[in-house]
Amino acid sequence: GTNFVDVGWSYDARAGQLILMSTED
């Protein structure tokens, strides 16, 4: 119901992976 994008991020050191997370309508 909004025009927002929410963004989070994390780093998994064990797998060597950057994880980007986002939500929107």
PDB file of all heavy atoms in Angstrom:
ATOM      1  N   GLY A   1       0.797  -1.221   0.000  1.00  0.00           N
ATOM      2  CA  GLY A   1       0.000   0.000   0.000  1.00  0.00           C
ATOM      3  C   GLY A   1       0.827   1.266   0.000  1.00  0.00           C
ATOM      4  O   GLY A   1       0.277   2.366   0.131  1.00  0.00           O
ATOM      5  N   THR A   2       2.156   1.140  -0.177  1.00  0.00           N
ATOM      6  CA  THR A   2       3.039   2.299  -0.146  1.00  0.00           C
ATOM      7  C   THR A   2       3.913   2.329  -1.402  1.00  0.00           C
ATOM      8  O   THR A   2       3.907   1.414  -2.216  1.00  0.00           O
ATOM      9  CB  THR A   2       3.975   2.284   1.078  1.00  0.00           C
ATOM     10  OG1 THR A   2       5.096   1.413   0.821  1.00  0.00           O
ATOM     11  CG2 THR A   2       3.253   1.810   2.327  1.00  0.00           C
ATOM     12  N   ASN A   3       4.722   3.393  -1.495  1.00  0.00           N
ATOM     13  CA  ASN A   3       5.705   3.503  -2.573  1.00  0.00           C
ATOM     14  C   ASN A   3       7.122   3.291  -2.044  1.00  0.00           C
ATOM     15  O   ASN A   3       8.094   3.643  -2.692  1.00  0.00           O
ATOM     16  CB  ASN A   3       5.601   4.882  -3.241  1.00  0.00           C
ATOM     17  CG  ASN A   3       6.318   4.931  -4.583  1.00  0.00           C
ATOM     18  OD1 ASN A   3       6.074   4.099  -5.446  1.00  0.00           O
ATOM     19  ND2 ASN A   3       7.211   5.899  -4.759  1.00  0.00           N
ATOM     20  N   PHE A   4       7.251   2.690  -0.870  1.00  0.00           N
ATOM     21  CA  PHE A   4       8.558   2.474  -0.272  1.00  0.00           C
ATOM     22  C   PHE A   4       9.186   1.155  -0.712  1.00  0.00           C
ATOM     23  O   PHE A   4       8.495   0.178  -0.982  1.00  0.00           O
ATOM     24  CB  PHE A   4       8.466   2.472   1.256  1.00  0.00           C
ATOM     25  CG  PHE A   4       8.134   3.805   1.853  1.00  0.00           C
ATOM     26  CD1 PHE A   4       6.891   4.029   2.435  1.00  0.00           C
ATOM     27  CD2 PHE A   4       9.058   4.838   1.823  1.00  0.00           C
ATOM     28  CE1 PHE A   4       6.580   5.257   2.987  1.00  0.00           C
ATOM     29  CE2 PHE A   4       8.751   6.073   2.367  1.00  0.00           C
ATOM     30  CZ  PHE A   4       7.516   6.282   2.953  1.00  0.00           C
ATOM     31  N   VAL A   5      10.519   1.164  -0.763  1.00  0.00           N
ATOM     32  CA  VAL A   5      11.314  -0.058  -0.847  1.00  0.00           C
ATOM     33  C   VAL A   5      12.144  -0.114   0.427  1.00  0.00           C
ATOM     34  O   VAL A   5      12.866   0.840   0.746  1.00  0.00           O
ATOM     35  CB  VAL A   5      12.258  -0.049  -2.061  1.00  0.00           C
ATOM     36  CG1 VAL A   5      13.154  -1.282  -2.040  1.00  0.00           C
ATOM     37  CG2 VAL A   5      11.479  -0.018  -3.356  1.00  0.00           C
ATOM     38  N   ASP A   6      12.032  -1.196   1.180  1.00  0.00           N
ATOM     39  CA  ASP A   6      12.844  -1.388   2.381  1.00  0.00           C
ATOM     40  C   ASP A   6      14.000  -2.324   2.050  1.00  0.00           C
ATOM     41  O   ASP A   6      13.794  -3.376   1.415  1.00  0.00           O
ATOM     42  CB  ASP A   6      12.011  -1.981   3.512  1.00  0.00           C
ATOM     43  CG  ASP A   6      11.076  -0.957   4.153  1.00  0.00           C
ATOM     44  OD1 ASP A   6      11.129   0.224   3.758  1.00  0.00           O
ATOM     45  OD2 ASP A   6      10.295  -1.345   5.037  1.00  0.00           O
ATOM     46  N   VAL A   7      15.204  -1.954   2.472  1.00  0.00           N
ATOM     47  CA  VAL A   7      16.405  -2.695   2.091  1.00  0.00           C
ATOM     48  C   VAL A   7      17.248  -3.013   3.326  1.00  0.00           C
ATOM     49  O   VAL A   7      17.532  -2.127   4.148  1.00  0.00           O
ATOM     50  CB  VAL A   7      17.262  -1.890   1.090  1.00  0.00           C
ATOM     51  CG1 VAL A   7      18.547  -2.662   0.736  1.00  0.00           C
ATOM     52  CG2 VAL A   7      16.465  -1.583  -0.174  1.00  0.00           C
ATOM     53  N   GLY A   8      17.649  -4.274   3.448  1.00  0.00           N
ATOM     54  CA  GLY A   8      18.604  -4.705   4.454  1.00  0.00           C
ATOM     55  C   GLY A   8      19.733  -5.469   3.790  1.00  0.00           C
ATOM     56  O   GLY A   8      19.616  -5.869   2.630  1.00  0.00           O
ATOM     57  N   TRP A   9      20.827  -5.672   4.501  1.00  0.00           N
ATOM     58  CA  TRP A   9      21.961  -6.394   3.930  1.00  0.00           C
ATOM     59  C   TRP A   9      22.716  -7.124   5.037  1.00  0.00           C
ATOM     60  O   TRP A   9      22.638  -6.772   6.208  1.00  0.00           O
ATOM     61  CB  TRP A   9      22.889  -5.461   3.158  1.00  0.00           C
ATOM     62  CG  TRP A   9      23.427  -4.302   3.943  1.00  0.00           C
ATOM     63  CD1 TRP A   9      24.627  -4.201   4.593  1.00  0.00           C
ATOM     64  CD2 TRP A   9      22.770  -3.041   4.155  1.00  0.00           C
ATOM     65  NE1 TRP A   9      24.761  -2.983   5.204  1.00  0.00           N
ATOM     66  CE2 TRP A   9      23.625  -2.234   4.939  1.00  0.00           C
ATOM     67  CE3 TRP A   9      21.532  -2.505   3.774  1.00  0.00           C
ATOM     68  CZ2 TRP A   9      23.305  -0.944   5.351  1.00  0.00           C
ATOM     69  CZ3 TRP A   9      21.200  -1.225   4.175  1.00  0.00           C
ATOM     70  CH2 TRP A   9      22.082  -0.451   4.947  1.00  0.00           C
ATOM     71  N   SER A  10      23.425  -8.176   4.621  1.00  0.00           N
ATOM     72  CA  SER A  10      24.155  -8.993   5.587  1.00  0.00           C
ATOM     73  C   SER A  10      25.311  -9.664   4.879  1.00  0.00           C
ATOM     74  O   SER A  10      25.378  -9.680   3.639  1.00  0.00           O
ATOM     75  CB  SER A  10      23.225 -10.043   6.200  1.00  0.00           C
ATOM     76  OG  SER A  10      23.871 -10.743   7.249  1.00  0.00           O
ATOM     77  N   TYR A  11      26.239 -10.209   5.670  1.00  0.00           N
ATOM     78  CA  TYR A  11      27.359 -10.950   5.096  1.00  0.00           C
ATOM     79  C   TYR A  11      27.495 -12.282   5.806  1.00  0.00           C
ATOM     80  O   TYR A  11      27.604 -12.340   7.041  1.00  0.00           O
ATOM     81  CB  TYR A  11      28.674 -10.168   5.212  1.00  0.00           C
ATOM     82  CG  TYR A  11      29.830 -10.866   4.533  1.00  0.00           C
ATOM     83  CD1 TYR A  11      29.891 -10.943   3.146  1.00  0.00           C
ATOM     84  CD2 TYR A  11      30.838 -11.478   5.274  1.00  0.00           C
ATOM     85  CE1 TYR A  11      30.929 -11.590   2.502  1.00  0.00           C
ATOM     86  CE2 TYR A  11      31.899 -12.133   4.645  1.00  0.00           C
ATOM     87  CZ  TYR A  11      31.926 -12.185   3.258  1.00  0.00           C
ATOM     88  OH  TYR A  11      32.957 -12.857   2.613  1.00  0.00           O
ATOM     89  N   ASP A  12      27.448 -13.358   5.021  1.00  0.00           N
ATOM     90  CA  ASP A  12      27.618 -14.704   5.544  1.00  0.00           C
ATOM     91  C   ASP A  12      29.077 -15.101   5.352  1.00  0.00           C
ATOM     92  O   ASP A  12      29.478 -15.514   4.255  1.00  0.00           O
ATOM     93  CB  ASP A  12      26.681 -15.664   4.807  1.00  0.00           C
ATOM     94  CG  ASP A  12      26.749 -17.095   5.333  1.00  0.00           C
ATOM     95  OD1 ASP A  12      27.662 -17.390   6.143  1.00  0.00           O
ATOM     96  OD2 ASP A  12      25.907 -17.910   4.928  1.00  0.00           O
ATOM     97  N   ALA A  13      29.881 -14.938   6.409  1.00  0.00           N
ATOM     98  CA  ALA A  13      31.320 -15.189   6.303  1.00  0.00           C
ATOM     99  C   ALA A  13      31.627 -16.653   6.008  1.00  0.00           C
ATOM    100  O   ALA A  13      32.603 -16.971   5.321  1.00  0.00           O
ATOM    101  CB  ALA A  13      32.018 -14.760   7.594  1.00  0.00           C
ATOM    102  N   ARG A  14      30.780 -17.557   6.480  1.00  0.00           N
ATOM    103  CA  ARG A  14      31.034 -18.983   6.267  1.00  0.00           C
ATOM    104  C   ARG A  14      30.928 -19.350   4.794  1.00  0.00           C
ATOM    105  O   ARG A  14      31.678 -20.184   4.287  1.00  0.00           O
ATOM    106  CB  ARG A  14      30.062 -19.815   7.092  1.00  0.00           C
ATOM    107  CG  ARG A  14      30.285 -19.726   8.591  1.00  0.00           C
ATOM    108  CD  ARG A  14      29.158 -20.389   9.348  1.00  0.00           C
ATOM    109  NE  ARG A  14      27.868 -19.752   9.064  1.00  0.00           N
ATOM    110  CZ  ARG A  14      26.709 -20.151   9.563  1.00  0.00           C
ATOM    111  NH1 ARG A  14      26.671 -21.216  10.354  1.00  0.00           N
ATOM    112  NH2 ARG A  14      25.605 -19.517   9.282  1.00  0.00           N
ATOM    113  N   ALA A  15      29.991 -18.727   4.098  1.00  0.00           N
ATOM    114  CA  ALA A  15      29.801 -19.022   2.673  1.00  0.00           C
ATOM    115  C   ALA A  15      30.456 -17.984   1.779  1.00  0.00           C
ATOM    116  O   ALA A  15      30.486 -18.158   0.555  1.00  0.00           O
ATOM    117  CB  ALA A  15      28.310 -19.098   2.356  1.00  0.00           C
ATOM    118  N   GLY A  16      30.964 -16.912   2.377  1.00  0.00           N
ATOM    119  CA  GLY A  16      31.554 -15.847   1.581  1.00  0.00           C
ATOM    120  C   GLY A  16      30.544 -15.140   0.705  1.00  0.00           C
ATOM    121  O   GLY A  16      30.846 -14.739  -0.425  1.00  0.00           O
ATOM    122  N   GLN A  17      29.308 -14.974   1.217  1.00  0.00           N
ATOM    123  CA  GLN A  17      28.221 -14.407   0.411  1.00  0.00           C
ATOM    124  C   GLN A  17      27.697 -13.116   1.016  1.00  0.00           C
ATOM    125  O   GLN A  17      27.409 -13.035   2.218  1.00  0.00           O
ATOM    126  CB  GLN A  17      27.058 -15.417   0.333  1.00  0.00           C
ATOM    127  CG  GLN A  17      27.349 -16.666  -0.470  1.00  0.00           C
ATOM    128  CD  GLN A  17      27.151 -16.447  -1.970  1.00  0.00           C
ATOM    129  OE1 GLN A  17      26.853 -15.357  -2.407  1.00  0.00           O
ATOM    130  NE2 GLN A  17      27.309 -17.511  -2.735  1.00  0.00           N
ATOM    131  N   LEU A  18      27.560 -12.108   0.165  1.00  0.00           N
ATOM    132  CA  LEU A  18      26.801 -10.916   0.518  1.00  0.00           C
ATOM    133  C   LEU A  18      25.339 -11.218   0.272  1.00  0.00           C
ATOM    134  O   LEU A  18      24.976 -11.786  -0.770  1.00  0.00           O
ATOM    135  CB  LEU A  18      27.236  -9.727  -0.347  1.00  0.00           C
ATOM    136  CG  LEU A  18      26.392  -8.456  -0.218  1.00  0.00           C
ATOM    137  CD1 LEU A  18      26.525  -7.838   1.164  1.00  0.00           C
ATOM    138  CD2 LEU A  18      26.765  -7.448  -1.306  1.00  0.00           C
ATOM    139  N   ILE A  19      24.475 -10.852   1.216  1.00  0.00           N
ATOM    140  CA  ILE A  19      23.040 -11.092   1.086  1.00  0.00           C
ATOM    141  C   ILE A  19      22.334  -9.741   1.113  1.00  0.00           C
ATOM    142  O   ILE A  19      22.431  -8.986   2.080  1.00  0.00           O
ATOM    143  CB  ILE A  19      22.518 -11.983   2.228  1.00  0.00           C
ATOM    144  CG1 ILE A  19      23.285 -13.311   2.254  1.00  0.00           C
ATOM    145  CG2 ILE A  19      21.026 -12.241   2.063  1.00  0.00           C
ATOM    146  CD1 ILE A  19      22.994 -14.149   3.488  1.00  0.00           C
ATOM    147  N   LEU A  20      21.623  -9.423   0.022  1.00  0.00           N
ATOM    148  CA  LEU A  20      20.836  -8.201  -0.087  1.00  0.00           C
ATOM    149  C   LEU A  20      19.362  -8.564  -0.005  1.00  0.00           C
ATOM    150  O   LEU A  20      18.910  -9.496  -0.688  1.00  0.00           O
ATOM    151  CB  LEU A  20      21.124  -7.498  -1.417  1.00  0.00           C
ATOM    152  CG  LEU A  20      22.574  -7.102  -1.666  1.00  0.00           C
ATOM    153  CD1 LEU A  20      22.758  -6.651  -3.107  1.00  0.00           C
ATOM    154  CD2 LEU A  20      23.006  -6.006  -0.705  1.00  0.00           C
ATOM    155  N   MET A  21      18.621  -7.844   0.825  1.00  0.00           N
ATOM    156  CA  MET A  21      17.206  -8.152   1.047  1.00  0.00           C
ATOM    157  C   MET A  21      16.369  -6.895   0.791  1.00  0.00           C
ATOM    158  O   MET A  21      16.719  -5.810   1.255  1.00  0.00           O
ATOM    159  CB  MET A  21      16.999  -8.631   2.487  1.00  0.00           C
ATOM    160  CG  MET A  21      17.817  -9.873   2.843  1.00  0.00           C
ATOM    161  SD  MET A  21      17.998 -10.111   4.642  1.00  0.00           S
ATOM    162  CE  MET A  21      19.220  -8.860   5.041  1.00  0.00           C
ATOM    163  N   SER A  22      15.272  -7.054   0.067  1.00  0.00           N
ATOM    164  CA  SER A  22      14.418  -5.903  -0.213  1.00  0.00           C
ATOM    165  C   SER A  22      12.958  -6.326  -0.285  1.00  0.00           C
ATOM    166  O   SER A  22      12.642  -7.467  -0.639  1.00  0.00           O
ATOM    167  CB  SER A  22      14.825  -5.229  -1.530  1.00  0.00           C
ATOM    168  OG  SER A  22      14.696  -6.125  -2.619  1.00  0.00           O
ATOM    169  N   THR A  23      12.072  -5.394   0.068  1.00  0.00           N
ATOM    170  CA  THR A  23      10.631  -5.611  -0.067  1.00  0.00           C
ATOM    171  C   THR A  23       9.996  -4.365  -0.662  1.00  0.00           C
ATOM    172  O   THR A  23      10.465  -3.237  -0.466  1.00  0.00           O
ATOM    173  CB  THR A  23       9.960  -5.918   1.288  1.00  0.00           C
ATOM    174  OG1 THR A  23      10.231  -4.852   2.207  1.00  0.00           O
ATOM    175  CG2 THR A  23      10.432  -7.235   1.864  1.00  0.00           C
ATOM    176  N   GLU A  24       8.895  -4.582  -1.377  1.00  0.00           N
ATOM    177  CA  GLU A  24       8.128  -3.495  -1.973  1.00  0.00           C
ATOM    178  C   GLU A  24       6.722  -4.005  -2.249  1.00  0.00           C
ATOM    179  O   GLU A  24       6.444  -5.207  -2.150  1.00  0.00           O
ATOM    180  CB  GLU A  24       8.763  -3.028  -3.286  1.00  0.00           C
ATOM    181  CG  GLU A  24       8.668  -4.093  -4.373  1.00  0.00           C
ATOM    182  CD  GLU A  24       9.241  -3.673  -5.719  1.00  0.00           C
ATOM    183  OE1 GLU A  24      10.061  -2.741  -5.756  1.00  0.00           O
ATOM    184  OE2 GLU A  24       8.873  -4.301  -6.736  1.00  0.00           O
ATOM    185  N   ASP A  25       5.834  -3.092  -2.605  1.00  0.00           N
ATOM    186  CA  ASP A  25       4.509  -3.460  -3.101  1.00  0.00           C
ATOM    187  C   ASP A  25       4.609  -3.563  -4.614  1.00  0.00           C
ATOM    188  O   ASP A  25       4.979  -2.599  -5.283  1.00  0.00           O
ATOM    189  CB  ASP A  25       3.490  -2.389  -2.698  1.00  0.00           C
ATOM    190  CG  ASP A  25       2.057  -2.796  -3.022  1.00  0.00           C
ATOM    191  OD1 ASP A  25       1.842  -3.496  -4.039  1.00  0.00           O
ATOM    192  OD2 ASP A  25       1.144  -2.400  -2.281  1.00  0.00           O
TER     193      ASP A  25
END
